[in-house]
Amino acid sequence: MKRKLDILFINPPYERLKGFSLGSIPNGILGLATHLNKEGYHTLVYDADTNYDEGLMSYNNKNRAETQDEYAKNVDDDSYYVWQEIRDVIRDLDPRYIGITLKTPTIHSGLKIAKIAKELGMTVLAGGPHVNIIEEKALELENVDYVFFGEGEKSVLKYLKSYPDREKLKEIRGIGFKNGKESYYGGFSERISDLDTLPFPERKYLIFIERYVNTDLSTIMASRGCPFKCTFCASVPIWGRSAVFRSPDHIISEIKDLHDKFNVREFRFFDDTFTAKKTNIISFCKRLIEVYGDRYFSWYCLSKVNAIDEEVFYWLRRAGCSQIHLGVESGSEKILKLMKKGITPEQVERAVHLARKYNFWVHTFFMTGLPYETLDDMRQTISFIRKIKPDSINLCTFTPYPGTELYDYCIKKKLIKHDDSYEMFKHIGHHSTSNYFLENVNKEEYQEVLKEMLELTTNMSNALTYRKLSYRLRTLTLEKFKRKIKLKLNKLSPKYN
């Protein structure tokens, strides 16, 4: 007799609705699923935003920024093949619960999944950054039955043990739900202070694991939270300014597992600031060298320019780190101060110089379109990019995310109007030419400078490869695509016999 799948966790589509495909695993829900499986429950993870089968092409700043309209169109198109796939997966796996991770950019695709799940008779659970930011308002989300606030490992486990006893559910920190006209909000779950007590994400719980190349499977998170306070970032309202770090040995156990199971020789850290705790990073590098030798792996990480020095660069390079990704944002010292970045252009130049000294590929993040920017500030950024000559650039267009200081600023200055349905996030995103939230630059002038920036950064960026839909799969008939999904789901079913 087939055993019931307890929870199917779903990462909603975003890039796939724009014509691309995300190239990394959903570490958060995959770690949560792994934890629940270790506790005796049966959970799987469906990343609806990734599909290697759809081909490999590079995307760049320009073509990525010009496709937000595709998301707005396809998120509402019930006939679009991604929604057909999602419906088939939910129906065929038939879990007790659907767990959806909600981020502000994916709020509309996430709630569309909730609607599909309810139509198929499922109980819907939701968590993630967006619900943590809007807090009690999340209880009003349509088609969502239970909401989880903060880290979900403890609260979701207690939920599974307590459901459907509502009185027991009310004793759980980090959960909220409606009960008729009444609602219950239990606040945030207690922060997990020792991440080593949690298992690292087991990739075997991804239902379409063959959709990834090995480097995508090897996305690693070494911490939770960020100690800094950038005004455009939602990390502060989610985590405060508190960061918790895994131990070097715990991280290396995950790397060893990836190496042994998937023959991985490359991996990537996606922490907000991997180098925030210097002693931890150096210990990790030394331990990795001790186990595998100098430069056995090739890997990369993200850093802030004032959270890295020559000693850290030395150990990173010896341990095999070959790319350093630096958050720069602007070439204007005035703008850096206003966004509370806590860095100066001189510190950026020093970090880039040290990175080049140790032969790193230097990838940089820049942002344009902040409310208080002037044309001169934007020109300073263009000049600064030309001056430091990074190997590749991710150019973001400023997006006022709820919960951030700049979201409140935009409301105060009447650059946006708050809307509980967040309708504008169908049409804007942090790589979108649709964004316009400026006080001092008219739209036409901004579009001209943005066009120049996109051309510059796209031409300078020299090929980090990302996933994009191939023409082959775009032209597959829906019936052929369904047969392909059915074949995969049939292979999964023996796990629950």
Protein backbone atom coordinates (compact mmCIF):
# COMPACT_ATOMS: atom_id res chain seq x y z
CA MET A 1 0.00 0.00 0.00
CA LYS A 2 1.32 3.43 -0.93
CA ARG A 3 2.37 5.48 2.08
CA LYS A 4 1.17 9.07 2.14
CA LEU A 5 3.63 11.86 1.44
CA ASP A 6 3.36 14.23 4.41
CA ILE A 7 4.57 17.51 2.85
CA LEU A 8 5.55 18.54 -0.64
CA PHE A 9 7.56 21.75 -0.26
CA ILE A 10 7.46 23.98 -3.34
CA ASN A 11 9.77 26.80 -4.44
CA PRO A 12 7.52 28.94 -6.72
CA PRO A 13 8.58 29.84 -10.26
CA TYR A 14 9.96 33.26 -11.05
CA GLU A 15 12.88 33.03 -13.48
CA ARG A 16 11.08 30.29 -15.45
CA LEU A 17 8.14 32.61 -15.95
CA LYS A 18 10.53 35.19 -17.40
CA GLY A 19 12.09 32.70 -19.81
CA PHE A 20 15.08 31.63 -17.70
CA SER A 21 15.80 28.90 -15.18
CA LEU A 22 17.28 29.31 -11.72
CA GLY A 23 20.66 27.62 -11.26
CA SER A 24 20.71 26.80 -7.54
CA ILE A 25 18.87 24.63 -5.03
CA PRO A 26 16.31 26.01 -2.53
CA ASN A 27 18.51 25.42 0.54
CA GLY A 28 15.95 26.66 3.08
CA ILE A 29 13.06 24.32 2.33
CA LEU A 30 15.43 21.50 1.40
CA GLY A 31 17.07 21.75 4.83
CA LEU A 32 13.64 21.83 6.47
CA ALA A 33 12.51 18.78 4.48
CA THR A 34 15.69 16.92 5.46
CA HIS A 35 15.11 17.72 9.14
CA LEU A 36 11.53 16.41 9.00
CA ASN A 37 12.58 13.24 7.20
CA LYS A 38 15.16 12.60 9.93
CA GLU A 39 12.28 12.90 12.41
CA GLY A 40 10.32 10.15 10.67
CA TYR A 41 8.08 12.14 8.34
CA HIS A 42 8.01 11.83 4.56
CA THR A 43 8.69 15.04 2.67
CA LEU A 44 9.96 16.02 -0.77
CA VAL A 45 10.99 19.30 -2.38
CA TYR A 46 9.81 20.54 -5.76
CA ASP A 47 11.79 23.44 -7.14
CA ALA A 48 9.46 24.83 -9.79
CA ASP A 49 11.98 27.48 -10.80
CA THR A 50 14.72 25.18 -12.12
CA ASN A 51 14.90 22.81 -15.07
CA TYR A 52 18.16 21.72 -16.66
CA ASP A 53 16.14 19.84 -19.29
CA GLU A 54 15.14 23.21 -20.70
CA GLY A 55 18.63 23.88 -21.93
CA LEU A 56 21.63 26.01 -21.02
CA MET A 57 22.14 29.53 -22.27
CA SER A 58 23.67 32.54 -20.61
CA TYR A 59 21.60 35.43 -19.43
CA ASN A 60 23.03 38.85 -18.77
CA ASN A 61 22.06 42.13 -17.17
CA LYS A 62 20.37 43.40 -20.31
CA ASN A 63 18.19 40.47 -21.35
CA ARG A 64 17.30 39.71 -17.74
CA ALA A 65 16.20 43.30 -17.08
CA GLU A 66 14.00 43.39 -20.15
CA THR A 67 11.86 40.33 -19.34
CA GLN A 68 9.82 41.37 -16.28
CA ASP A 69 6.77 41.75 -18.51
CA GLU A 70 7.04 38.03 -19.26
CA TYR A 71 6.58 37.27 -15.56
CA ALA A 72 3.53 39.55 -15.34
CA LYS A 73 2.00 37.86 -18.37
CA ASN A 74 2.77 34.25 -17.52
CA VAL A 75 1.95 34.38 -13.81
CA ASP A 76 -1.71 34.98 -14.79
CA ASP A 77 -1.77 32.55 -17.71
CA ASP A 78 -3.33 29.30 -16.44
CA SER A 79 -2.45 27.56 -19.70
CA TYR A 80 1.29 28.29 -19.41
CA TYR A 81 3.13 24.96 -19.29
CA VAL A 82 4.77 25.61 -15.90
CA TRP A 83 1.34 25.80 -14.22
CA GLN A 84 0.28 22.60 -15.95
CA GLU A 85 3.41 20.92 -14.62
CA ILE A 86 2.77 22.17 -11.08
CA ARG A 87 -0.81 20.93 -11.12
CA ASP A 88 0.30 17.49 -12.36
CA VAL A 89 3.03 17.17 -9.75
CA ILE A 90 0.70 18.06 -6.85
CA ARG A 91 -2.07 15.78 -8.10
CA ASP A 92 0.18 12.79 -8.71
CA LEU A 93 2.23 12.98 -5.51
CA ASP A 94 -0.93 13.71 -3.50
CA PRO A 95 0.70 14.97 -0.28
CA ARG A 96 -1.17 15.70 2.95
CA TYR A 97 0.19 19.25 2.94
CA ILE A 98 1.67 21.67 0.42
CA GLY A 99 4.40 23.88 1.93
CA ILE A 100 5.17 27.05 -0.06
CA THR A 101 8.09 29.39 0.54
CA LEU A 102 7.00 32.96 -0.16
CA LYS A 103 9.34 35.76 -1.15
CA THR A 104 8.10 39.17 -2.21
CA PRO A 105 9.22 38.72 -5.87
CA THR A 106 7.38 35.37 -5.98
CA ILE A 107 4.33 36.30 -3.90
CA HIS A 108 1.98 36.08 -6.89
CA SER A 109 3.31 32.80 -8.25
CA GLY A 110 3.37 31.38 -4.71
CA LEU A 111 -0.26 32.29 -4.07
CA LYS A 112 -1.21 30.86 -7.44
CA ILE A 113 0.27 27.54 -6.29
CA ALA A 114 -1.78 27.85 -3.09
CA LYS A 115 -4.91 28.28 -5.20
CA ILE A 116 -4.08 25.21 -7.30
CA ALA A 117 -3.38 23.20 -4.13
CA LYS A 118 -6.72 24.19 -2.57
CA GLU A 119 -8.55 23.26 -5.78
CA LEU A 120 -6.96 19.82 -5.42
CA GLY A 121 -8.10 19.55 -1.80
CA MET A 122 -4.76 20.16 -0.07
CA THR A 123 -3.99 21.92 3.21
CA VAL A 124 -1.60 24.79 2.46
CA LEU A 125 1.30 25.83 4.70
CA ALA A 126 3.33 28.98 3.99
CA GLY A 127 6.56 30.46 5.30
CA GLY A 128 9.55 32.39 4.03
CA PRO A 129 10.85 35.97 3.92
CA HIS A 130 7.61 37.62 2.79
CA VAL A 131 5.48 36.28 5.64
CA ASN A 132 8.21 37.17 8.15
CA ILE A 133 8.13 40.75 6.91
CA ILE A 134 4.36 41.25 6.84
CA GLU A 135 3.85 39.26 10.09
CA GLU A 136 0.17 39.06 11.16
CA LYS A 137 -0.98 40.34 7.77
CA ALA A 138 0.13 36.95 6.41
CA LEU A 139 -2.93 35.41 8.07
CA GLU A 140 -5.03 37.22 5.46
CA LEU A 141 -3.28 35.54 2.50
CA GLU A 142 -5.87 33.87 0.30
CA ASN A 143 -5.81 30.05 0.10
CA VAL A 144 -3.22 29.72 2.90
CA ASP A 145 -4.31 27.67 5.92
CA TYR A 146 -1.29 27.86 8.26
CA VAL A 147 1.58 30.35 8.33
CA PHE A 148 5.00 29.78 9.92
CA PHE A 149 7.08 32.70 11.18
CA GLY A 150 10.86 32.58 11.66
CA GLU A 151 12.83 29.38 11.32
CA GLY A 152 10.51 26.46 10.67
CA GLU A 153 12.39 23.40 11.91
CA LYS A 154 10.81 23.36 15.38
CA SER A 155 7.41 24.85 14.61
CA VAL A 156 6.61 22.71 11.56
CA LEU A 157 7.63 19.56 13.43
CA LYS A 158 5.37 20.51 16.37
CA TYR A 159 2.58 21.30 13.92
CA LEU A 160 2.78 17.83 12.38
CA LYS A 161 2.62 16.28 15.84
CA SER A 162 -0.29 18.47 17.01
CA TYR A 163 -2.59 18.82 13.99
CA PRO A 164 -5.60 18.99 13.99
CA ASP A 165 -5.87 19.83 17.72
CA ARG A 166 -6.25 23.61 17.59
CA GLU A 167 -5.63 24.08 21.29
CA LYS A 168 -2.27 22.33 20.96
CA LEU A 169 -1.50 24.37 17.86
CA LYS A 170 -2.02 27.56 19.86
CA GLU A 171 0.80 26.51 22.18
CA ILE A 172 3.34 26.55 19.32
CA ARG A 173 5.61 29.54 18.86
CA GLY A 174 6.03 30.59 15.26
CA ILE A 175 2.64 29.59 13.88
CA GLY A 176 -0.48 31.47 12.83
CA PHE A 177 -3.85 30.45 11.42
CA LYS A 178 -7.47 31.48 11.02
CA ASN A 179 -10.31 29.82 12.91
CA GLY A 180 -13.53 31.06 11.39
CA LYS A 181 -13.70 34.79 12.00
CA GLU A 182 -10.96 34.59 14.63
CA SER A 183 -7.26 34.28 13.97
CA TYR A 184 -4.30 33.14 16.04
CA TYR A 185 -0.77 34.56 15.79
CA GLY A 186 1.94 32.91 17.89
CA GLY A 187 4.75 35.29 17.01
CA PHE A 188 8.15 34.17 15.76
CA SER A 189 9.80 30.88 16.58
CA GLU A 190 12.85 30.99 18.81
CA ARG A 191 16.10 31.46 16.87
CA ILE A 192 18.21 28.34 16.48
CA SER A 193 21.55 29.20 18.09
CA ASP A 194 23.44 26.06 17.03
CA LEU A 195 23.04 25.30 13.32
CA ASP A 196 25.19 22.19 13.70
CA THR A 197 22.23 20.51 15.42
CA LEU A 198 20.41 20.56 12.07
CA PRO A 199 21.19 18.19 9.20
CA PHE A 200 22.53 19.76 6.03
CA PRO A 201 20.13 19.64 3.04
CA GLU A 202 19.96 16.18 1.46
CA ARG A 203 19.76 16.64 -2.29
CA LYS A 204 18.00 13.26 -2.70
CA TYR A 205 14.76 14.87 -1.55
CA LEU A 206 14.59 17.02 -4.71
CA ILE A 207 11.97 15.37 -6.89
CA PHE A 208 13.60 16.47 -10.16
CA ILE A 209 17.25 16.17 -9.17
CA GLU A 210 18.25 15.40 -12.76
CA ARG A 211 17.24 18.95 -13.69
CA TYR A 212 20.41 20.25 -12.05
CA VAL A 213 24.03 20.15 -13.07
CA ASN A 214 26.35 19.20 -10.21
CA THR A 215 27.53 22.74 -9.54
CA ASP A 216 23.92 23.79 -8.98
CA LEU A 217 23.44 20.98 -6.48
CA SER A 218 26.46 22.29 -4.60
CA THR A 219 24.97 25.59 -3.40
CA ILE A 220 25.79 25.82 0.32
CA MET A 221 24.60 28.11 3.10
CA ALA A 222 27.09 28.44 5.96
CA SER A 223 25.14 30.91 8.12
CA ARG A 224 21.79 32.55 8.75
CA GLY A 225 21.42 36.31 9.01
CA CYS A 226 23.67 39.30 8.39
CA PRO A 227 25.27 41.71 10.88
CA PHE A 228 25.00 44.74 8.58
CA LYS A 229 22.14 47.21 8.01
CA CYS A 230 21.87 48.22 4.34
CA THR A 231 18.69 50.22 3.81
CA PHE A 232 17.63 48.32 0.69
CA CYS A 233 17.97 44.84 2.22
CA ALA A 234 15.26 42.83 4.01
CA SER A 235 17.70 40.78 6.07
CA VAL A 236 17.41 43.18 9.02
CA PRO A 237 13.61 42.89 9.50
CA ILE A 238 13.86 39.10 9.07
CA TRP A 239 16.91 38.33 11.22
CA GLY A 240 17.67 41.54 13.06
CA ARG A 241 21.40 42.16 12.82
CA SER A 242 22.16 38.76 14.28
CA ALA A 243 24.06 36.15 12.29
CA VAL A 244 24.51 32.51 13.32
CA PHE A 245 27.29 30.42 11.78
CA ARG A 246 27.78 26.73 11.14
CA SER A 247 31.07 25.26 12.34
CA PRO A 248 33.83 24.52 9.79
CA ASP A 249 33.54 20.77 10.39
CA HIS A 250 29.78 20.82 9.80
CA ILE A 251 30.26 22.62 6.47
CA ILE A 252 33.02 20.23 5.43
CA SER A 253 30.77 17.26 6.18
CA GLU A 254 28.33 18.66 3.61
CA ILE A 255 31.12 19.22 1.07
CA LYS A 256 32.36 15.65 1.61
CA ASP A 257 28.83 14.33 1.07
CA LEU A 258 28.53 16.28 -2.20
CA HIS A 259 31.94 15.07 -3.33
CA ASP A 260 31.22 11.43 -2.51
CA LYS A 261 27.69 11.31 -3.99
CA PHE A 262 27.97 13.64 -6.97
CA ASN A 263 31.73 13.86 -7.61
CA VAL A 264 31.50 17.60 -6.97
CA ARG A 265 34.72 19.57 -7.38
CA GLU A 266 33.02 22.97 -7.45
CA PHE A 267 30.68 24.58 -4.93
CA ARG A 268 29.21 27.98 -4.06
CA PHE A 269 28.38 29.77 -0.83
CA PHE A 270 25.29 31.99 -1.04
CA ASP A 271 25.48 33.58 2.42
CA ASP A 272 24.78 37.32 2.59
CA THR A 273 28.35 37.88 3.82
CA PHE A 274 30.35 34.67 3.95
CA THR A 275 33.39 36.42 5.43
CA ALA A 276 31.54 38.21 8.27
CA LYS A 277 33.26 36.08 10.94
CA LYS A 278 36.97 36.07 10.10
CA THR A 279 38.10 33.40 12.56
CA ASN A 280 35.43 31.00 11.32
CA ILE A 281 36.43 31.48 7.69
CA ILE A 282 40.13 30.97 8.27
CA SER A 283 39.42 27.86 10.35
CA PHE A 284 37.21 26.51 7.57
CA CYS A 285 39.90 27.10 4.94
CA LYS A 286 42.58 25.44 7.05
CA ARG A 287 40.34 22.46 7.75
CA LEU A 288 39.42 22.07 4.08
CA ILE A 289 43.12 22.12 3.15
CA GLU A 290 43.85 19.59 5.89
CA VAL A 291 41.23 17.18 4.51
CA TYR A 292 41.68 17.65 0.75
CA GLY A 293 44.91 19.59 0.22
CA ASP A 294 45.54 22.97 -1.42
CA ARG A 295 43.06 24.00 -4.12
CA TYR A 296 41.42 20.60 -4.50
CA PHE A 297 38.08 22.34 -5.05
CA SER A 298 37.13 25.44 -6.98
CA TRP A 299 34.50 27.57 -5.24
CA TYR A 300 33.21 31.07 -4.64
CA CYS A 301 31.58 33.18 -1.96
CA LEU A 302 30.07 36.61 -1.30
CA SER A 303 31.73 39.27 0.83
CA LYS A 304 31.53 42.87 1.88
CA VAL A 305 34.65 44.86 0.98
CA ASN A 306 35.31 45.86 4.60
CA ALA A 307 34.75 42.30 5.85
CA ILE A 308 37.76 40.88 4.05
CA ASP A 309 41.51 41.54 4.31
CA GLU A 310 44.76 40.17 2.89
CA GLU A 311 44.96 37.32 5.40
CA VAL A 312 41.47 36.12 4.48
CA PHE A 313 42.23 36.42 0.76
CA TYR A 314 45.36 34.31 1.27
CA TRP A 315 43.52 31.47 3.02
CA LEU A 316 40.53 31.59 0.67
CA ARG A 317 42.83 31.18 -2.33
CA ARG A 318 44.83 28.34 -0.79
CA ALA A 319 41.60 26.51 -0.01
CA GLY A 320 40.48 26.77 -3.65
CA CYS A 321 38.23 29.83 -3.67
CA SER A 322 38.61 31.23 -7.18
CA GLN A 323 35.83 33.84 -7.34
CA ILE A 324 35.01 36.58 -4.87
CA HIS A 325 31.64 38.33 -5.20
CA LEU A 326 31.66 41.84 -3.73
CA GLY A 327 28.66 44.01 -2.87
CA VAL A 328 29.64 47.50 -4.09
CA GLU A 329 26.30 49.03 -5.16
CA SER A 330 27.50 52.56 -6.02
CA GLY A 331 30.54 54.59 -6.99
CA SER A 332 29.16 57.62 -5.17
CA GLU A 333 30.37 58.01 -1.60
CA LYS A 334 27.26 60.06 -0.82
CA ILE A 335 24.95 57.24 -1.95
CA LEU A 336 26.96 54.61 -0.05
CA LYS A 337 26.47 56.64 3.13
CA LEU A 338 22.76 57.19 2.54
CA MET A 339 22.13 53.47 1.95
CA LYS A 340 24.13 52.70 5.14
CA LYS A 341 26.41 50.40 3.22
CA GLY A 342 29.24 51.14 5.65
CA ILE A 343 31.93 51.17 2.96
CA THR A 344 33.83 53.71 0.88
CA PRO A 345 34.97 53.67 -2.76
CA GLU A 346 38.56 53.48 -1.45
CA GLN A 347 37.77 50.27 0.44
CA VAL A 348 36.26 48.83 -2.73
CA GLU A 349 39.42 49.64 -4.68
CA ARG A 350 41.59 48.04 -2.01
CA ALA A 351 39.48 44.86 -1.95
CA VAL A 352 39.58 44.58 -5.76
CA HIS A 353 43.36 45.17 -5.71
CA LEU A 354 43.90 42.40 -3.14
CA ALA A 355 41.60 40.05 -5.03
CA ARG A 356 43.63 40.57 -8.19
CA LYS A 357 46.87 40.09 -6.25
CA TYR A 358 45.69 36.60 -5.30
CA ASN A 359 44.30 35.89 -8.76
CA PHE A 360 40.56 35.90 -7.99
CA TRP A 361 37.82 36.38 -10.52
CA VAL A 362 36.13 39.57 -9.25
CA HIS A 363 32.35 39.66 -9.57
CA THR A 364 30.62 42.82 -8.33
CA PHE A 365 27.08 43.84 -7.47
CA PHE A 366 25.95 47.35 -8.38
CA MET A 367 22.57 49.03 -7.99
CA THR A 368 20.99 52.01 -9.67
CA GLY A 369 17.72 53.91 -9.35
CA LEU A 370 17.79 54.60 -5.59
CA PRO A 371 15.30 57.35 -4.67
CA TYR A 372 17.86 59.98 -3.70
CA GLU A 373 20.28 59.35 -6.59
CA THR A 374 21.05 62.15 -9.02
CA LEU A 375 22.35 61.90 -12.57
CA ASP A 376 25.77 62.84 -11.21
CA ASP A 377 25.66 59.93 -8.74
CA MET A 378 24.83 57.56 -11.58
CA ARG A 379 27.66 58.95 -13.69
CA GLN A 380 30.02 58.45 -10.76
CA THR A 381 28.98 54.80 -10.65
CA ILE A 382 29.62 54.37 -14.38
CA SER A 383 33.06 55.98 -14.01
CA PHE A 384 33.83 53.82 -10.97
CA ILE A 385 32.92 50.63 -12.83
CA ARG A 386 35.28 51.63 -15.63
CA LYS A 387 37.97 52.42 -13.07
CA ILE A 388 37.96 49.16 -11.09
CA LYS A 389 37.21 46.97 -14.16
CA PRO A 390 35.57 43.97 -12.46
CA ASP A 391 35.52 40.68 -14.37
CA SER A 392 31.73 40.50 -14.20
CA ILE A 393 28.89 42.58 -12.85
CA ASN A 394 25.37 41.99 -11.59
CA LEU A 395 23.49 45.26 -12.10
CA CYS A 396 20.32 45.56 -10.02
CA THR A 397 17.63 48.16 -10.47
CA PHE A 398 16.48 49.41 -7.09
CA THR A 399 13.31 47.69 -5.86
CA PRO A 400 11.54 48.90 -2.67
CA TYR A 401 10.98 45.64 -0.80
CA PRO A 402 8.55 45.73 2.14
CA GLY A 403 10.21 45.69 5.53
CA THR A 404 13.21 47.70 4.37
CA GLU A 405 14.08 51.22 5.38
CA LEU A 406 13.90 52.35 1.75
CA TYR A 407 10.40 50.91 1.31
CA ASP A 408 9.20 53.19 4.12
CA TYR A 409 11.18 56.07 2.61
CA CYS A 410 9.45 55.60 -0.76
CA ILE A 411 6.04 55.62 0.90
CA LYS A 412 6.90 58.75 2.90
CA LYS A 413 8.06 60.51 -0.28
CA LYS A 414 4.96 59.28 -2.14
CA LEU A 415 7.06 57.42 -4.70
CA ILE A 416 4.93 54.34 -4.09
CA LYS A 417 1.65 53.59 -2.38
CA HIS A 418 1.42 50.60 -0.07
CA ASP A 419 -0.89 47.84 -1.26
CA ASP A 420 -1.51 44.72 0.83
CA SER A 421 -1.81 42.64 -2.35
CA TYR A 422 1.64 43.83 -3.55
CA GLU A 423 0.31 44.04 -7.09
CA MET A 424 3.27 46.14 -8.25
CA PHE A 425 5.61 43.15 -7.78
CA LYS A 426 4.14 41.58 -10.88
CA HIS A 427 5.65 44.44 -12.83
CA ILE A 428 8.87 45.32 -11.03
CA GLY A 429 11.87 43.33 -9.86
CA HIS A 430 15.50 43.84 -8.96
CA HIS A 431 16.46 43.19 -12.59
CA SER A 432 13.79 45.22 -14.35
CA THR A 433 13.71 48.24 -16.61
CA SER A 434 10.17 48.95 -15.33
CA ASN A 435 11.43 50.26 -11.99
CA TYR A 436 11.28 54.00 -11.42
CA PHE A 437 11.36 55.43 -7.89
CA LEU A 438 13.48 58.57 -8.23
CA GLU A 439 13.04 62.02 -6.69
CA ASN A 440 15.68 63.94 -8.61
CA VAL A 441 15.83 62.39 -12.09
CA ASN A 442 12.98 62.28 -14.59
CA LYS A 443 12.01 58.98 -16.12
CA GLU A 444 13.36 59.68 -19.60
CA GLU A 445 16.79 60.71 -18.28
CA TYR A 446 16.90 57.68 -16.01
CA GLN A 447 16.03 55.31 -18.85
CA GLU A 448 18.88 56.74 -20.91
CA VAL A 449 21.43 56.25 -18.12
CA LEU A 450 20.04 52.80 -17.31
CA LYS A 451 20.40 51.80 -20.94
CA GLU A 452 24.03 52.93 -20.86
CA MET A 453 24.65 51.00 -17.63
CA LEU A 454 23.06 47.85 -18.99
CA GLU A 455 25.14 48.00 -22.15
CA LEU A 456 28.33 48.68 -20.16
CA THR A 457 27.84 45.97 -17.57
CA THR A 458 26.64 43.41 -20.10
CA ASN A 459 29.64 43.99 -22.32
CA MET A 460 32.08 43.92 -19.39
CA SER A 461 30.53 40.84 -17.82
CA ASN A 462 32.38 37.99 -19.35
CA ALA A 463 30.20 34.95 -19.01
CA LEU A 464 28.93 33.59 -15.79
CA THR A 465 26.64 30.91 -17.20
CA TYR A 466 23.04 30.74 -16.09
CA ARG A 467 20.07 28.64 -17.10
CA LYS A 468 17.63 29.73 -19.75
CA LEU A 469 14.78 28.00 -21.53
CA SER A 470 15.79 26.42 -24.82
CA TYR A 471 13.71 26.69 -27.95
CA ARG A 472 13.44 22.90 -27.98
CA LEU A 473 11.35 22.76 -24.80
CA ARG A 474 9.38 25.88 -25.61
CA THR A 475 8.07 24.04 -28.68
CA LEU A 476 7.25 20.74 -26.93
CA THR A 477 3.56 20.03 -26.94
CA LEU A 478 1.88 20.04 -23.56
CA GLU A 479 1.01 16.35 -23.91
CA LYS A 480 4.65 15.37 -24.51
CA PHE A 481 5.69 17.47 -21.53
CA LYS A 482 3.05 15.82 -19.31
CA ARG A 483 4.25 12.34 -20.33
CA LYS A 484 7.78 13.34 -19.33
CA ILE A 485 6.58 14.49 -15.90
CA LYS A 486 4.45 11.34 -15.43
CA LEU A 487 7.47 9.13 -16.11
CA LYS A 488 9.46 10.90 -13.40
CA LEU A 489 6.61 10.77 -10.88
CA ASN A 490 6.15 7.05 -11.50
CA LYS A 491 9.81 6.55 -10.60
CA LEU A 492 9.27 8.41 -7.35
CA SER A 493 6.29 6.37 -6.16
CA PRO A 494 8.24 3.27 -4.99
CA LYS A 495 9.79 5.41 -2.23
CA TYR A 496 6.37 5.48 -0.60
CA ASN A 497 5.37 1.83 -0.96
